Amino acid sequence: MVKAILSLLFVTFIWGATFPLQKVALEGVSPTFYIALRFFIAAFLSLLFFGKGNFKYGIILGIVLGVAYTTQTWGLILTTSTKSGFITSLYIVFVPVFAYFLEKEIPTLFQIFSFLIGTSGLYLISGGIGNFNLGDLLTVFCAVSFALHLVLVTKFSRLVSEKDLLFPQFLAVSIFGLILNIFFKNWKITPAATGSALFTAVFATILAIYLQAKYQKKIGNNVSALVFLGEPVFSAVLSYFILGETMSRKQFFGSFLLLTSILFSSLERVKIVRSTNQKGRDGCEDVT
């Protein structure tokens, strides 16, 4: 359980680091072509190491992930790295909805309380709902798509190996980006964009999604969503050091609330698992 949470927290750090890195790399570059390049690299490497995989489930995940990254990357050009990270994290609000309809997974009262703490933190960090621009709106669509993707990853990784979801998923995203870029007709690529695409392909795509598929099913959708709440915190901290973006006292307090919600949910999950294991041992003793 602890290993699963720490693994997903590592994934969260990597994803948080991509916001300032891609903000710099996307200057003068088409976001759709960048996505196509990033996921082509990821698809090639995953085919090389993990094989063709399962196209039935991989393509579905790829379409959803393609929408998520396209709206996020395009929105990142039009808004700040810090704000993009926090708006993206709004997917925690949508995860329980998709989890209920697709997995019949009902959140506990403690998880609902954690969600309220987390969303309160998001509100403080974003500075309120007003003054949204087009980049912010695109990032909201990104959040909805990531929520659906998170739930589908849990669902499909119970049916096939997590390795089988990699190549077809990444290939679908790459093709998705290429098709969209035909309309934008910007095929320019820079050394910074190439380096960023390579880094994100290896660490933020192949490694991160593999760990997500492997460990997310062990702790459930709702707890995973709360662990991923740390993503905008890492994004904000790294954006400060890399881009010079700053945070107010309210935003720092909001970050504290986000981390608190993660801790509460994680502790509750560990308590539930220990209680279940204890009941199992007691049952065995009763039988003997």
C-alpha atoms as a PDB file:
ATOM      1  CA  MET A   1       0.000   0.000   0.000  1.00  0.00           C
ATOM      2  CA  VAL A   2       2.749   2.457   0.986  1.00  0.00           C
ATOM      3  CA  LYS A   3       4.750   1.452  -2.101  1.00  0.00           C
ATOM      4  CA  ALA A   4       1.738   2.131  -4.331  1.00  0.00           C
ATOM      5  CA  ILE A   5       1.164   5.578  -2.817  1.00  0.00           C
ATOM      6  CA  LEU A   6       4.859   6.528  -3.044  1.00  0.00           C
ATOM      7  CA  SER A   7       5.028   5.322  -6.657  1.00  0.00           C
ATOM      8  CA  LEU A   8       2.038   7.453  -7.633  1.00  0.00           C
ATOM      9  CA  LEU A   9       3.499  10.399  -5.713  1.00  0.00           C
ATOM     10  CA  PHE A  10       6.668  10.034  -7.812  1.00  0.00           C
ATOM     11  CA  VAL A  11       4.484  10.052 -10.929  1.00  0.00           C
ATOM     12  CA  THR A  12       2.832  13.195  -9.597  1.00  0.00           C
ATOM     13  CA  PHE A  13       6.217  14.910  -9.203  1.00  0.00           C
ATOM     14  CA  ILE A  14       7.230  14.030 -12.765  1.00  0.00           C
ATOM     15  CA  TRP A  15       3.944  15.333 -14.160  1.00  0.00           C
ATOM     16  CA  GLY A  16       4.299  18.512 -12.113  1.00  0.00           C
ATOM     17  CA  ALA A  17       7.776  19.066 -13.541  1.00  0.00           C
ATOM     18  CA  THR A  18       6.473  18.938 -17.118  1.00  0.00           C
ATOM     19  CA  PHE A  19       4.486  22.186 -16.791  1.00  0.00           C
ATOM     20  CA  PRO A  20       7.412  24.652 -16.577  1.00  0.00           C
ATOM     21  CA  LEU A  21       9.559  22.529 -18.910  1.00  0.00           C
ATOM     22  CA  GLN A  22       6.916  22.461 -21.632  1.00  0.00           C
ATOM     23  CA  LYS A  23       6.064  26.138 -21.109  1.00  0.00           C
ATOM     24  CA  VAL A  24       9.610  26.971 -22.209  1.00  0.00           C
ATOM     25  CA  ALA A  25       9.751  24.325 -24.944  1.00  0.00           C
ATOM     26  CA  LEU A  26       6.479  25.361 -26.625  1.00  0.00           C
ATOM     27  CA  GLU A  27       7.620  28.865 -27.600  1.00  0.00           C
ATOM     28  CA  GLY A  28       6.989  29.145 -31.345  1.00  0.00           C
ATOM     29  CA  VAL A  29       6.107  25.445 -31.665  1.00  0.00           C
ATOM     30  CA  SER A  30       2.748  23.907 -32.601  1.00  0.00           C
ATOM     31  CA  PRO A  31       1.350  22.112 -29.527  1.00  0.00           C
ATOM     32  CA  THR A  32      -0.248  19.402 -31.680  1.00  0.00           C
ATOM     33  CA  PHE A  33       3.015  18.668 -33.504  1.00  0.00           C
ATOM     34  CA  TYR A  34       4.838  18.615 -30.161  1.00  0.00           C
ATOM     35  CA  ILE A  35       2.319  16.068 -28.829  1.00  0.00           C
ATOM     36  CA  ALA A  36       2.717  13.961 -31.972  1.00  0.00           C
ATOM     37  CA  LEU A  37       6.516  13.945 -31.555  1.00  0.00           C
ATOM     38  CA  ARG A  38       6.390  13.221 -27.821  1.00  0.00           C
ATOM     39  CA  PHE A  39       4.037  10.277 -28.167  1.00  0.00           C
ATOM     40  CA  PHE A  40       5.733   8.930 -31.301  1.00  0.00           C
ATOM     41  CA  ILE A  41       8.916   8.592 -29.231  1.00  0.00           C
ATOM     42  CA  ALA A  42       6.912   6.996 -26.420  1.00  0.00           C
ATOM     43  CA  ALA A  43       5.175   4.613 -28.841  1.00  0.00           C
ATOM     44  CA  PHE A  44       8.461   3.551 -30.466  1.00  0.00           C
ATOM     45  CA  LEU A  45      10.159   2.851 -27.127  1.00  0.00           C
ATOM     46  CA  SER A  46       7.155   1.027 -25.671  1.00  0.00           C
ATOM     47  CA  LEU A  47       6.912  -1.159 -28.803  1.00  0.00           C
ATOM     48  CA  LEU A  48      10.611  -1.925 -28.483  1.00  0.00           C
ATOM     49  CA  PHE A  49      10.461  -2.937 -24.812  1.00  0.00           C
ATOM     50  CA  PHE A  50       6.853  -4.036 -24.196  1.00  0.00           C
ATOM     51  CA  GLY A  51       5.490  -5.239 -27.550  1.00  0.00           C
ATOM     52  CA  LYS A  52       2.317  -4.398 -29.477  1.00  0.00           C
ATOM     53  CA  GLY A  53      -0.082  -4.753 -26.571  1.00  0.00           C
ATOM     54  CA  ASN A  54      -3.883  -4.730 -26.632  1.00  0.00           C
ATOM     55  CA  PHE A  55      -5.348  -2.405 -29.260  1.00  0.00           C
ATOM     56  CA  LYS A  56      -8.953  -2.811 -28.110  1.00  0.00           C
ATOM     57  CA  TYR A  57      -8.403  -0.995 -24.824  1.00  0.00           C
ATOM     58  CA  GLY A  58      -5.274   0.928 -25.796  1.00  0.00           C
ATOM     59  CA  ILE A  59      -6.957   2.856 -28.615  1.00  0.00           C
ATOM     60  CA  ILE A  60      -9.806   3.940 -26.327  1.00  0.00           C
ATOM     61  CA  LEU A  61      -7.316   5.228 -23.762  1.00  0.00           C
ATOM     62  CA  GLY A  62      -5.305   6.891 -26.526  1.00  0.00           C
ATOM     63  CA  ILE A  63      -8.251   8.899 -27.842  1.00  0.00           C
ATOM     64  CA  VAL A  64      -9.149  10.160 -24.370  1.00  0.00           C
ATOM     65  CA  LEU A  65      -5.506  10.907 -23.558  1.00  0.00           C
ATOM     66  CA  GLY A  66      -5.087  12.676 -26.896  1.00  0.00           C
ATOM     67  CA  VAL A  67      -7.919  15.077 -26.095  1.00  0.00           C
ATOM     68  CA  ALA A  68      -6.484  15.641 -22.609  1.00  0.00           C
ATOM     69  CA  TYR A  69      -2.956  16.483 -23.730  1.00  0.00           C
ATOM     70  CA  THR A  70      -4.043  18.542 -26.737  1.00  0.00           C
ATOM     71  CA  THR A  71      -6.252  20.821 -24.655  1.00  0.00           C
ATOM     72  CA  GLN A  72      -3.676  20.997 -21.862  1.00  0.00           C
ATOM     73  CA  THR A  73      -0.727  21.789 -24.138  1.00  0.00           C
ATOM     74  CA  TRP A  74      -2.655  24.358 -26.169  1.00  0.00           C
ATOM     75  CA  GLY A  75      -3.981  25.938 -22.992  1.00  0.00           C
ATOM     76  CA  LEU A  76      -0.473  26.081 -21.510  1.00  0.00           C
ATOM     77  CA  ILE A  77       0.528  28.503 -24.263  1.00  0.00           C
ATOM     78  CA  LEU A  78      -2.292  30.880 -23.292  1.00  0.00           C
ATOM     79  CA  THR A  79      -2.020  30.762 -19.486  1.00  0.00           C
ATOM     80  CA  THR A  80       0.696  30.479 -16.827  1.00  0.00           C
ATOM     81  CA  SER A  81       2.436  27.233 -15.937  1.00  0.00           C
ATOM     82  CA  THR A  82       1.336  27.489 -12.301  1.00  0.00           C
ATOM     83  CA  LYS A  83      -2.307  28.150 -13.149  1.00  0.00           C
ATOM     84  CA  SER A  84      -2.355  25.364 -15.729  1.00  0.00           C
ATOM     85  CA  GLY A  85      -1.131  22.906 -13.117  1.00  0.00           C
ATOM     86  CA  PHE A  86      -3.850  23.810 -10.652  1.00  0.00           C
ATOM     87  CA  ILE A  87      -6.707  23.926 -13.174  1.00  0.00           C
ATOM     88  CA  THR A  88      -5.635  20.527 -14.509  1.00  0.00           C
ATOM     89  CA  SER A  89      -6.007  19.178 -10.979  1.00  0.00           C
ATOM     90  CA  LEU A  90      -9.700  19.957 -11.087  1.00  0.00           C
ATOM     91  CA  TYR A  91     -10.035  16.455 -12.505  1.00  0.00           C
ATOM     92  CA  ILE A  92     -10.290  15.264  -8.897  1.00  0.00           C
ATOM     93  CA  VAL A  93     -13.781  16.769  -8.883  1.00  0.00           C
ATOM     94  CA  PHE A  94     -14.797  14.703 -11.910  1.00  0.00           C
ATOM     95  CA  VAL A  95     -13.138  11.393 -10.951  1.00  0.00           C
ATOM     96  CA  PRO A  96     -15.850  10.302  -8.462  1.00  0.00           C
ATOM     97  CA  VAL A  97     -18.510  10.973 -11.115  1.00  0.00           C
ATOM     98  CA  PHE A  98     -16.843   8.776 -13.737  1.00  0.00           C
ATOM     99  CA  ALA A  99     -15.855   6.205 -11.090  1.00  0.00           C
ATOM    100  CA  TYR A 100     -19.474   5.900  -9.980  1.00  0.00           C
ATOM    101  CA  PHE A 101     -20.922   5.430 -13.476  1.00  0.00           C
ATOM    102  CA  LEU A 102     -18.146   3.225 -14.883  1.00  0.00           C
ATOM    103  CA  GLU A 103     -16.947   1.328 -11.802  1.00  0.00           C
ATOM    104  CA  LYS A 104     -19.853   1.710  -9.336  1.00  0.00           C
ATOM    105  CA  GLU A 105     -17.223   2.979  -6.889  1.00  0.00           C
ATOM    106  CA  ILE A 106     -18.958   5.058  -4.211  1.00  0.00           C
ATOM    107  CA  PRO A 107     -16.690   7.478  -2.301  1.00  0.00           C
ATOM    108  CA  THR A 108     -16.657   7.257   1.489  1.00  0.00           C
ATOM    109  CA  LEU A 109     -17.620  10.199   3.705  1.00  0.00           C
ATOM    110  CA  PHE A 110     -13.970  10.629   4.655  1.00  0.00           C
ATOM    111  CA  GLN A 111     -12.994  10.796   0.982  1.00  0.00           C
ATOM    112  CA  ILE A 112     -15.731  13.355   0.338  1.00  0.00           C
ATOM    113  CA  PHE A 113     -14.333  15.425   3.212  1.00  0.00           C
ATOM    114  CA  SER A 114     -10.868  15.105   1.674  1.00  0.00           C
ATOM    115  CA  PHE A 115     -12.245  16.214  -1.695  1.00  0.00           C
ATOM    116  CA  LEU A 116     -13.747  19.314  -0.067  1.00  0.00           C
ATOM    117  CA  ILE A 117     -10.412  20.178   1.537  1.00  0.00           C
ATOM    118  CA  GLY A 118      -8.628  19.606  -1.762  1.00  0.00           C
ATOM    119  CA  THR A 119     -11.011  21.682  -3.861  1.00  0.00           C
ATOM    120  CA  SER A 120     -10.860  24.477  -1.261  1.00  0.00           C
ATOM    121  CA  GLY A 121      -7.101  24.448  -1.714  1.00  0.00           C
ATOM    122  CA  LEU A 122      -7.510  24.606  -5.478  1.00  0.00           C
ATOM    123  CA  TYR A 123      -9.820  27.607  -5.144  1.00  0.00           C
ATOM    124  CA  LEU A 124      -7.312  29.515  -3.008  1.00  0.00           C
ATOM    125  CA  ILE A 125      -4.435  28.717  -5.333  1.00  0.00           C
ATOM    126  CA  SER A 126      -6.280  29.704  -8.518  1.00  0.00           C
ATOM    127  CA  GLY A 127      -7.466  32.982  -6.992  1.00  0.00           C
ATOM    128  CA  GLY A 128     -11.130  32.290  -7.709  1.00  0.00           C
ATOM    129  CA  ILE A 129     -13.215  31.396 -10.730  1.00  0.00           C
ATOM    130  CA  GLY A 130     -13.285  34.821 -12.374  1.00  0.00           C
ATOM    131  CA  ASN A 131     -11.094  36.115 -15.199  1.00  0.00           C
ATOM    132  CA  PHE A 132     -10.785  32.791 -17.024  1.00  0.00           C
ATOM    133  CA  ASN A 133      -9.221  33.116 -20.479  1.00  0.00           C
ATOM    134  CA  LEU A 134      -9.290  30.683 -23.409  1.00  0.00           C
ATOM    135  CA  GLY A 135      -6.249  28.856 -22.061  1.00  0.00           C
ATOM    136  CA  ASP A 136      -7.993  28.303 -18.737  1.00  0.00           C
ATOM    137  CA  LEU A 137     -11.118  27.014 -20.486  1.00  0.00           C
ATOM    138  CA  LEU A 138      -9.122  24.559 -22.598  1.00  0.00           C
ATOM    139  CA  THR A 139      -7.421  23.316 -19.442  1.00  0.00           C
ATOM    140  CA  VAL A 140     -10.812  22.653 -17.839  1.00  0.00           C
ATOM    141  CA  PHE A 141     -11.647  20.365 -20.792  1.00  0.00           C
ATOM    142  CA  CYS A 142      -8.257  18.770 -20.175  1.00  0.00           C
ATOM    143  CA  ALA A 143      -9.230  18.103 -16.544  1.00  0.00           C
ATOM    144  CA  VAL A 144     -12.451  16.350 -17.582  1.00  0.00           C
ATOM    145  CA  SER A 145     -10.528  14.170 -20.050  1.00  0.00           C
ATOM    146  CA  PHE A 146      -7.862  13.239 -17.498  1.00  0.00           C
ATOM    147  CA  ALA A 147     -10.566  12.225 -15.015  1.00  0.00           C
ATOM    148  CA  LEU A 148     -12.123   9.867 -17.559  1.00  0.00           C
ATOM    149  CA  HIS A 149      -8.687   8.512 -18.493  1.00  0.00           C
ATOM    150  CA  LEU A 150      -7.808   7.853 -14.842  1.00  0.00           C
ATOM    151  CA  VAL A 151     -10.944   5.772 -14.286  1.00  0.00           C
ATOM    152  CA  LEU A 152     -10.536   3.879 -17.572  1.00  0.00           C
ATOM    153  CA  VAL A 153      -6.911   3.022 -16.739  1.00  0.00           C
ATOM    154  CA  THR A 154      -8.060   1.394 -13.503  1.00  0.00           C
ATOM    155  CA  LYS A 155     -10.843  -0.474 -15.300  1.00  0.00           C
ATOM    156  CA  PHE A 156      -8.749  -1.760 -18.222  1.00  0.00           C
ATOM    157  CA  SER A 157      -5.633  -2.630 -16.177  1.00  0.00           C
ATOM    158  CA  ARG A 158      -7.752  -5.190 -14.327  1.00  0.00           C
ATOM    159  CA  LEU A 159      -8.572  -6.873 -17.645  1.00  0.00           C
ATOM    160  CA  VAL A 160      -5.139  -6.898 -19.304  1.00  0.00           C
ATOM    161  CA  SER A 161      -1.530  -6.321 -18.270  1.00  0.00           C
ATOM    162  CA  GLU A 162      -0.578  -2.678 -17.789  1.00  0.00           C
ATOM    163  CA  LYS A 163       2.218  -3.203 -20.345  1.00  0.00           C
ATOM    164  CA  ASP A 164      -0.381  -4.074 -22.995  1.00  0.00           C
ATOM    165  CA  LEU A 165      -1.943  -0.617 -22.678  1.00  0.00           C
ATOM    166  CA  LEU A 166       1.194   1.347 -23.554  1.00  0.00           C
ATOM    167  CA  PHE A 167       2.052   1.084 -27.277  1.00  0.00           C
ATOM    168  CA  PRO A 168      -1.457   1.301 -28.804  1.00  0.00           C
ATOM    169  CA  GLN A 169      -2.359   4.145 -26.442  1.00  0.00           C
ATOM    170  CA  PHE A 170       0.721   6.218 -27.302  1.00  0.00           C
ATOM    171  CA  LEU A 171       0.396   5.462 -31.016  1.00  0.00           C
ATOM    172  CA  ALA A 172      -3.202   6.699 -30.993  1.00  0.00           C
ATOM    173  CA  VAL A 173      -2.190   9.964 -29.291  1.00  0.00           C
ATOM    174  CA  SER A 174       0.624  10.527 -31.795  1.00  0.00           C
ATOM    175  CA  ILE A 175      -1.690   9.990 -34.781  1.00  0.00           C
ATOM    176  CA  PHE A 176      -4.290  12.213 -33.101  1.00  0.00           C
ATOM    177  CA  GLY A 177      -1.726  15.018 -32.831  1.00  0.00           C
ATOM    178  CA  LEU A 178      -0.570  14.626 -36.439  1.00  0.00           C
ATOM    179  CA  ILE A 179      -4.127  14.782 -37.796  1.00  0.00           C
ATOM    180  CA  LEU A 180      -4.867  17.953 -35.836  1.00  0.00           C
ATOM    181  CA  ASN A 181      -1.597  19.571 -36.903  1.00  0.00           C
ATOM    182  CA  ILE A 182      -2.576  19.212 -40.568  1.00  0.00           C
ATOM    183  CA  PHE A 183      -5.076  22.001 -39.947  1.00  0.00           C
ATOM    184  CA  PHE A 184      -2.542  24.228 -38.114  1.00  0.00           C
ATOM    185  CA  LYS A 185       0.208  23.629 -40.712  1.00  0.00           C
ATOM    186  CA  ASN A 186       3.047  24.409 -38.303  1.00  0.00           C
ATOM    187  CA  TRP A 187       5.753  21.753 -38.537  1.00  0.00           C
ATOM    188  CA  LYS A 188       8.477  23.803 -36.852  1.00  0.00           C
ATOM    189  CA  ILE A 189      10.456  22.092 -34.109  1.00  0.00           C
ATOM    190  CA  THR A 190      13.237  23.501 -31.921  1.00  0.00           C
ATOM    191  CA  PRO A 191      16.071  21.857 -29.953  1.00  0.00           C
ATOM    192  CA  ALA A 192      14.309  22.802 -26.699  1.00  0.00           C
ATOM    193  CA  ALA A 193      11.066  21.207 -27.885  1.00  0.00           C
ATOM    194  CA  THR A 194      12.904  18.067 -29.027  1.00  0.00           C
ATOM    195  CA  GLY A 195      14.663  17.705 -25.675  1.00  0.00           C
ATOM    196  CA  SER A 196      11.431  18.290 -23.781  1.00  0.00           C
ATOM    197  CA  ALA A 197       9.588  15.770 -25.963  1.00  0.00           C
ATOM    198  CA  LEU A 198      12.272  13.146 -25.291  1.00  0.00           C
ATOM    199  CA  PHE A 199      12.231  13.751 -21.514  1.00  0.00           C
ATOM    200  CA  THR A 200       8.447  13.719 -21.247  1.00  0.00           C
ATOM    201  CA  ALA A 201       8.168  10.675 -23.519  1.00  0.00           C
ATOM    202  CA  VAL A 202      10.449   8.567 -21.311  1.00  0.00           C
ATOM    203  CA  PHE A 203       9.630   9.786 -17.811  1.00  0.00           C
ATOM    204  CA  ALA A 204       6.227  11.521 -17.940  1.00  0.00           C
ATOM    205  CA  THR A 205       4.677   9.135 -20.466  1.00  0.00           C
ATOM    206  CA  ILE A 206       6.095   5.581 -20.538  1.00  0.00           C
ATOM    207  CA  LEU A 207       7.345   5.333 -16.949  1.00  0.00           C
ATOM    208  CA  ALA A 208       4.557   7.415 -15.397  1.00  0.00           C
ATOM    209  CA  ILE A 209       1.647   5.724 -17.155  1.00  0.00           C
ATOM    210  CA  TYR A 210       3.148   2.266 -16.547  1.00  0.00           C
ATOM    211  CA  LEU A 211       3.387   2.997 -12.804  1.00  0.00           C
ATOM    212  CA  GLN A 212      -0.093   4.515 -12.868  1.00  0.00           C
ATOM    213  CA  ALA A 213      -1.602   1.415 -14.475  1.00  0.00           C
ATOM    214  CA  LYS A 214       0.311  -0.912 -12.131  1.00  0.00           C
ATOM    215  CA  TYR A 215      -0.425   0.744  -8.783  1.00  0.00           C
ATOM    216  CA  GLN A 216      -3.621   2.741  -9.286  1.00  0.00           C
ATOM    217  CA  LYS A 217      -5.795  -0.378  -9.320  1.00  0.00           C
ATOM    218  CA  LYS A 218      -4.406  -1.308  -5.883  1.00  0.00           C
ATOM    219  CA  ILE A 219      -5.628   1.821  -4.097  1.00  0.00           C
ATOM    220  CA  GLY A 220      -8.670   2.774  -6.202  1.00  0.00           C
ATOM    221  CA  ASN A 221      -9.702   5.776  -8.285  1.00  0.00           C
ATOM    222  CA  ASN A 222     -10.644   8.160  -5.482  1.00  0.00           C
ATOM    223  CA  VAL A 223      -7.461   7.732  -3.445  1.00  0.00           C
ATOM    224  CA  SER A 224      -5.347   7.950  -6.617  1.00  0.00           C
ATOM    225  CA  ALA A 225      -7.028  11.215  -7.544  1.00  0.00           C
ATOM    226  CA  LEU A 226      -6.131  12.669  -4.169  1.00  0.00           C
ATOM    227  CA  VAL A 227      -2.501  11.579  -4.461  1.00  0.00           C
ATOM    228  CA  PHE A 228      -2.387  13.297  -7.849  1.00  0.00           C
ATOM    229  CA  LEU A 229      -3.490  16.501  -6.113  1.00  0.00           C
ATOM    230  CA  GLY A 230       0.188  17.048  -5.391  1.00  0.00           C
ATOM    231  CA  GLU A 231       0.834  17.678  -9.100  1.00  0.00           C
ATOM    232  CA  PRO A 232       0.011  21.423  -9.065  1.00  0.00           C
ATOM    233  CA  VAL A 233       2.057  21.892  -5.892  1.00  0.00           C
ATOM    234  CA  PHE A 234       5.142  20.445  -7.569  1.00  0.00           C
ATOM    235  CA  SER A 235       4.306  22.460 -10.688  1.00  0.00           C
ATOM    236  CA  ALA A 236       4.098  25.713  -8.722  1.00  0.00           C
ATOM    237  CA  VAL A 237       7.352  25.121  -6.836  1.00  0.00           C
ATOM    238  CA  LEU A 238       9.294  24.171  -9.970  1.00  0.00           C
ATOM    239  CA  SER A 239       7.708  27.028 -11.949  1.00  0.00           C
ATOM    240  CA  TYR A 240       9.045  29.408  -9.305  1.00  0.00           C
ATOM    241  CA  PHE A 241      12.614  28.159  -9.692  1.00  0.00           C
ATOM    242  CA  ILE A 242      12.541  27.681 -13.481  1.00  0.00           C
ATOM    243  CA  LEU A 243      10.230  30.486 -14.674  1.00  0.00           C
ATOM    244  CA  GLY A 244      10.218  32.859 -11.719  1.00  0.00           C
ATOM    245  CA  GLU A 245       6.441  32.517 -11.200  1.00  0.00           C
ATOM    246  CA  THR A 246       5.435  33.407  -7.636  1.00  0.00           C
ATOM    247  CA  MET A 247       2.651  32.465  -5.228  1.00  0.00           C
ATOM    248  CA  SER A 248       0.766  34.533  -2.665  1.00  0.00           C
ATOM    249  CA  ARG A 249       0.172  33.553   0.970  1.00  0.00           C
ATOM    250  CA  LYS A 250      -3.307  32.330   0.044  1.00  0.00           C
ATOM    251  CA  GLN A 251      -1.827  30.115  -2.653  1.00  0.00           C
ATOM    252  CA  PHE A 252       0.700  28.666  -0.228  1.00  0.00           C
ATOM    253  CA  PHE A 253      -2.117  27.942   2.218  1.00  0.00           C
ATOM    254  CA  GLY A 254      -4.057  26.314  -0.610  1.00  0.00           C
ATOM    255  CA  SER A 255      -1.042  24.089  -1.304  1.00  0.00           C
ATOM    256  CA  PHE A 256      -1.055  23.068   2.351  1.00  0.00           C
ATOM    257  CA  LEU A 257      -4.741  22.113   2.099  1.00  0.00           C
ATOM    258  CA  LEU A 258      -4.040  19.991  -0.984  1.00  0.00           C
ATOM    259  CA  LEU A 259      -1.306  18.044   0.767  1.00  0.00           C
ATOM    260  CA  THR A 260      -3.527  17.643   3.838  1.00  0.00           C
ATOM    261  CA  SER A 261      -6.285  16.088   1.729  1.00  0.00           C
ATOM    262  CA  ILE A 262      -3.767  13.620   0.263  1.00  0.00           C
ATOM    263  CA  LEU A 263      -2.544  12.661   3.726  1.00  0.00           C
ATOM    264  CA  PHE A 264      -6.066  12.187   5.117  1.00  0.00           C
ATOM    265  CA  SER A 265      -7.140   9.955   2.250  1.00  0.00           C
ATOM    266  CA  SER A 266      -3.937   7.909   2.305  1.00  0.00           C
ATOM    267  CA  LEU A 267      -4.171   7.280   6.051  1.00  0.00           C
ATOM    268  CA  GLU A 268      -7.806   6.215   5.703  1.00  0.00           C
ATOM    269  CA  ARG A 269      -6.954   3.784   2.921  1.00  0.00           C
ATOM    270  CA  VAL A 270      -4.169   2.188   4.983  1.00  0.00           C
ATOM    271  CA  LYS A 271      -6.575   1.877   7.928  1.00  0.00           C
ATOM    272  CA  ILE A 272      -9.202   0.155   5.748  1.00  0.00           C
ATOM    273  CA  VAL A 273      -6.682  -2.337   4.353  1.00  0.00           C
ATOM    274  CA  ARG A 274      -5.326  -3.169   7.820  1.00  0.00           C
ATOM    275  CA  SER A 275      -8.864  -3.650   9.122  1.00  0.00           C
ATOM    276  CA  THR A 276      -9.691  -5.978   6.215  1.00  0.00           C
ATOM    277  CA  ASN A 277      -6.516  -8.010   6.775  1.00  0.00           C
ATOM    278  CA  GLN A 278      -7.253  -8.279  10.504  1.00  0.00           C
ATOM    279  CA  LYS A 279     -10.774  -9.551   9.796  1.00  0.00           C
ATOM    280  CA  GLY A 280      -9.309 -12.104   7.410  1.00  0.00           C
ATOM    281  CA  ARG A 281      -6.908 -13.373  10.075  1.00  0.00           C
ATOM    282  CA  ASP A 282      -9.678 -13.464  12.676  1.00  0.00           C
ATOM    283  CA  GLY A 283     -11.821 -15.469  10.260  1.00  0.00           C
ATOM    284  CA  CYS A 284      -9.051 -17.999   9.781  1.00  0.00           C
ATOM    285  CA  GLU A 285      -8.645 -18.338  13.532  1.00  0.00           C
ATOM    286  CA  ASP A 286     -12.383 -18.935  13.936  1.00  0.00           C
ATOM    287  CA  VAL A 287     -12.277 -21.713  11.342  1.00  0.00           C
ATOM    288  CA  THR A 288      -9.399 -23.453  13.074  1.00  0.00           C
END
